[in-house]
Amino acid sequence: MSTISLRLPESLHERVRELAKQENISINQFISTALAEKISALQTADYLEDRALRGRRVKYDHALSRVSDAAPDKEDEI
């Protein structure tokens, strides 16, 4: 594990202190988790963009052609 010195505006530090206390975790754990969530979101966006670039319309149309033309379930109707 490594150590990092981080400068935060007082308002942000105060808010993270409050939230960490509400969650019953340390400020370090709160920031580590928040950072992990942000990295995950960015990596997911990159993955989906890359995956979309590999998609082919022909394969998409083929997959859709295999779906039956049935009415949606009652709870799925708009």
N, C-alpha and C. Protein backbone atom coordinates (compact mmCIF):
# COMPACT_ATOMS: atom_id res chain seq x y z
N MET A 1 0.85 -1.17 0.00
CA MET A 1 0.00 0.00 0.00
C MET A 1 0.89 1.23 0.00
N SER A 2 0.44 2.25 -0.70
CA SER A 2 1.23 3.47 -0.75
C SER A 2 0.47 4.62 -0.09
N THR A 3 1.21 5.69 0.15
CA THR A 3 0.66 6.88 0.80
C THR A 3 0.65 8.02 -0.20
N ILE A 4 -0.41 8.82 -0.14
CA ILE A 4 -0.52 9.97 -1.03
C ILE A 4 -0.95 11.17 -0.19
N SER A 5 -0.36 12.31 -0.48
CA SER A 5 -0.75 13.54 0.18
C SER A 5 -1.76 14.24 -0.74
N LEU A 6 -2.91 14.56 -0.20
CA LEU A 6 -3.99 15.09 -1.01
C LEU A 6 -4.49 16.40 -0.41
N ARG A 7 -4.56 17.42 -1.24
CA ARG A 7 -5.09 18.70 -0.78
C ARG A 7 -6.55 18.80 -1.21
N LEU A 8 -7.40 19.04 -0.23
CA LEU A 8 -8.82 19.16 -0.49
C LEU A 8 -9.32 20.52 -0.01
N PRO A 9 -10.26 21.09 -0.71
CA PRO A 9 -10.91 22.29 -0.17
C PRO A 9 -11.58 21.92 1.16
N GLU A 10 -11.61 22.86 2.06
CA GLU A 10 -12.16 22.59 3.40
C GLU A 10 -13.60 22.07 3.32
N SER A 11 -14.39 22.63 2.41
CA SER A 11 -15.79 22.20 2.30
C SER A 11 -15.88 20.73 1.87
N LEU A 12 -15.02 20.32 0.96
CA LEU A 12 -15.01 18.93 0.50
C LEU A 12 -14.52 18.00 1.61
N HIS A 13 -13.50 18.44 2.32
CA HIS A 13 -12.97 17.64 3.44
C HIS A 13 -14.05 17.46 4.51
N GLU A 14 -14.76 18.52 4.81
CA GLU A 14 -15.81 18.45 5.82
C GLU A 14 -16.92 17.49 5.38
N ARG A 15 -17.29 17.56 4.11
CA ARG A 15 -18.36 16.69 3.62
C ARG A 15 -17.93 15.23 3.61
N VAL A 16 -16.71 14.95 3.18
CA VAL A 16 -16.24 13.56 3.16
C VAL A 16 -16.11 13.02 4.58
N ARG A 17 -15.75 13.88 5.50
CA ARG A 17 -15.67 13.46 6.90
C ARG A 17 -17.06 13.05 7.41
N GLU A 18 -18.07 13.87 7.09
CA GLU A 18 -19.44 13.57 7.50
C GLU A 18 -19.94 12.26 6.88
N LEU A 19 -19.71 12.10 5.58
CA LEU A 19 -20.18 10.90 4.88
C LEU A 19 -19.48 9.64 5.37
N ALA A 20 -18.19 9.74 5.60
CA ALA A 20 -17.45 8.58 6.11
C ALA A 20 -17.96 8.20 7.49
N LYS A 21 -18.26 9.20 8.31
CA LYS A 21 -18.79 8.92 9.64
C LYS A 21 -20.15 8.24 9.54
N GLN A 22 -21.01 8.71 8.63
CA GLN A 22 -22.33 8.09 8.44
C GLN A 22 -22.20 6.64 8.00
N GLU A 23 -21.20 6.36 7.19
CA GLU A 23 -20.97 4.99 6.68
C GLU A 23 -20.17 4.15 7.67
N ASN A 24 -19.71 4.78 8.74
CA ASN A 24 -18.91 4.11 9.76
C ASN A 24 -17.61 3.53 9.20
N ILE A 25 -16.98 4.33 8.34
CA ILE A 25 -15.68 3.95 7.76
C ILE A 25 -14.73 5.14 7.88
N SER A 26 -13.46 4.90 7.63
CA SER A 26 -12.48 5.98 7.69
C SER A 26 -12.56 6.83 6.42
N ILE A 27 -12.05 8.03 6.52
CA ILE A 27 -11.98 8.91 5.34
C ILE A 27 -11.13 8.24 4.26
N ASN A 28 -10.04 7.60 4.66
CA ASN A 28 -9.20 6.89 3.68
C ASN A 28 -9.99 5.82 2.94
N GLN A 29 -10.77 5.04 3.66
CA GLN A 29 -11.57 3.99 3.03
C GLN A 29 -12.63 4.60 2.11
N PHE A 30 -13.24 5.68 2.54
CA PHE A 30 -14.24 6.35 1.72
C PHE A 30 -13.64 6.83 0.41
N ILE A 31 -12.50 7.50 0.50
CA ILE A 31 -11.85 8.03 -0.71
C ILE A 31 -11.36 6.88 -1.60
N SER A 32 -10.81 5.83 -1.00
CA SER A 32 -10.35 4.68 -1.79
C SER A 32 -11.52 4.04 -2.55
N THR A 33 -12.65 3.89 -1.88
CA THR A 33 -13.82 3.31 -2.52
C THR A 33 -14.35 4.23 -3.62
N ALA A 34 -14.41 5.51 -3.36
CA ALA A 34 -14.88 6.47 -4.36
C ALA A 34 -13.97 6.46 -5.59
N LEU A 35 -12.68 6.38 -5.37
CA LEU A 35 -11.72 6.33 -6.47
C LEU A 35 -11.88 5.04 -7.27
N ALA A 36 -12.06 3.92 -6.57
CA ALA A 36 -12.27 2.64 -7.25
C ALA A 36 -13.54 2.68 -8.10
N GLU A 37 -14.61 3.28 -7.58
CA GLU A 37 -15.86 3.39 -8.33
C GLU A 37 -15.67 4.23 -9.58
N LYS A 38 -14.95 5.33 -9.47
CA LYS A 38 -14.71 6.21 -10.62
C LYS A 38 -13.88 5.50 -11.67
N ILE A 39 -12.83 4.81 -11.26
CA ILE A 39 -11.99 4.06 -12.20
C ILE A 39 -12.82 2.99 -12.90
N SER A 40 -13.65 2.30 -12.16
CA SER A 40 -14.51 1.27 -12.73
C SER A 40 -15.45 1.86 -13.77
N ALA A 41 -16.05 3.01 -13.46
CA ALA A 41 -16.97 3.65 -14.41
C ALA A 41 -16.25 4.05 -15.68
N LEU A 42 -15.06 4.61 -15.57
CA LEU A 42 -14.30 5.02 -16.74
C LEU A 42 -13.87 3.82 -17.58
N GLN A 43 -13.43 2.77 -16.91
CA GLN A 43 -13.03 1.57 -17.64
C GLN A 43 -14.22 0.91 -18.31
N THR A 44 -15.37 0.94 -17.67
CA THR A 44 -16.57 0.38 -18.27
C THR A 44 -16.96 1.15 -19.53
N ALA A 45 -16.90 2.46 -19.46
CA ALA A 45 -17.21 3.28 -20.63
C ALA A 45 -16.25 2.98 -21.77
N ASP A 46 -14.97 2.85 -21.46
CA ASP A 46 -13.97 2.52 -22.48
C ASP A 46 -14.25 1.14 -23.09
N TYR A 47 -14.59 0.17 -22.23
CA TYR A 47 -14.87 -1.18 -22.70
C TYR A 47 -16.08 -1.18 -23.63
N LEU A 48 -17.15 -0.50 -23.23
CA LEU A 48 -18.36 -0.49 -24.04
C LEU A 48 -18.13 0.22 -25.38
N GLU A 49 -17.34 1.28 -25.36
CA GLU A 49 -17.02 1.97 -26.61
C GLU A 49 -16.23 1.05 -27.54
N ASP A 50 -15.24 0.38 -26.99
CA ASP A 50 -14.44 -0.56 -27.77
C ASP A 50 -15.31 -1.70 -28.31
N ARG A 51 -16.18 -2.21 -27.47
CA ARG A 51 -17.06 -3.32 -27.87
C ARG A 51 -18.02 -2.87 -28.97
N ALA A 52 -18.52 -1.65 -28.87
CA ALA A 52 -19.44 -1.12 -29.88
C ALA A 52 -18.73 -0.99 -31.23
N LEU A 53 -17.47 -0.63 -31.21
CA LEU A 53 -16.72 -0.49 -32.46
C LEU A 53 -16.52 -1.83 -33.16
N ARG A 54 -16.55 -2.92 -32.39
CA ARG A 54 -16.38 -4.25 -32.98
C ARG A 54 -17.69 -4.85 -33.47
N GLY A 55 -18.81 -4.20 -33.14
CA GLY A 55 -20.11 -4.71 -33.53
C GLY A 55 -20.32 -4.63 -35.04
N ARG A 56 -21.12 -5.53 -35.54
CA ARG A 56 -21.43 -5.57 -36.97
C ARG A 56 -22.94 -5.59 -37.15
N ARG A 57 -23.44 -4.75 -38.04
CA ARG A 57 -24.87 -4.64 -38.26
C ARG A 57 -25.48 -5.97 -38.71
N VAL A 58 -24.76 -6.71 -39.54
CA VAL A 58 -25.27 -7.99 -40.03
C VAL A 58 -25.52 -8.95 -38.87
N LYS A 59 -24.58 -9.01 -37.94
CA LYS A 59 -24.75 -9.90 -36.78
C LYS A 59 -25.90 -9.43 -35.90
N TYR A 60 -26.04 -8.13 -35.74
CA TYR A 60 -27.13 -7.56 -34.96
C TYR A 60 -28.48 -7.92 -35.58
N ASP A 61 -28.60 -7.70 -36.88
CA ASP A 61 -29.84 -8.03 -37.58
C ASP A 61 -30.15 -9.52 -37.47
N HIS A 62 -29.13 -10.35 -37.58
CA HIS A 62 -29.33 -11.80 -37.46
C HIS A 62 -29.85 -12.16 -36.07
N ALA A 63 -29.26 -11.57 -35.03
CA ALA A 63 -29.71 -11.86 -33.67
C ALA A 63 -31.16 -11.42 -33.47
N LEU A 64 -31.50 -10.25 -33.98
CA LEU A 64 -32.88 -9.77 -33.85
C LEU A 64 -33.86 -10.64 -34.61
N SER A 65 -33.43 -11.19 -35.71
CA SER A 65 -34.33 -12.02 -36.51
C SER A 65 -34.71 -13.31 -35.77
N ARG A 66 -33.95 -13.68 -34.78
CA ARG A 66 -34.21 -14.90 -34.03
C ARG A 66 -35.15 -14.67 -32.84
N VAL A 67 -35.48 -13.41 -32.59
CA VAL A 67 -36.37 -13.07 -31.46
C VAL A 67 -37.81 -13.17 -31.94
N SER A 68 -38.62 -13.87 -31.17
CA SER A 68 -40.03 -14.02 -31.57
C SER A 68 -40.76 -12.69 -31.47
N ASP A 69 -41.77 -12.54 -32.30
CA ASP A 69 -42.55 -11.31 -32.35
C ASP A 69 -43.72 -11.44 -31.38
N ALA A 70 -43.41 -11.40 -30.10
CA ALA A 70 -44.43 -11.57 -29.06
C ALA A 70 -44.66 -10.24 -28.36
N ALA A 71 -45.84 -10.06 -27.83
CA ALA A 71 -46.16 -8.86 -27.07
C ALA A 71 -45.34 -8.86 -25.77
N PRO A 72 -44.97 -7.68 -25.28
CA PRO A 72 -44.21 -7.62 -24.03
C PRO A 72 -45.06 -8.04 -22.84
N ASP A 73 -44.40 -8.46 -21.79
CA ASP A 73 -45.11 -8.77 -20.55
C ASP A 73 -45.83 -7.52 -20.08
N LYS A 74 -46.89 -7.69 -19.35
CA LYS A 74 -47.71 -6.56 -18.89
C LYS A 74 -46.87 -5.52 -18.15
N GLU A 75 -45.96 -5.97 -17.27
CA GLU A 75 -45.14 -5.02 -16.48
C GLU A 75 -44.08 -4.31 -17.32
N ASP A 76 -43.85 -4.77 -18.55
CA ASP A 76 -42.87 -4.13 -19.42
C ASP A 76 -43.50 -3.15 -20.41
N GLU A 77 -44.81 -3.09 -20.43
CA GLU A 77 -45.47 -2.17 -21.35
C GLU A 77 -45.27 -0.73 -20.92
N ILE A 78 -45.28 0.13 -21.92
CA ILE A 78 -45.10 1.58 -21.65
C ILE A 78 -46.47 2.23 -21.58
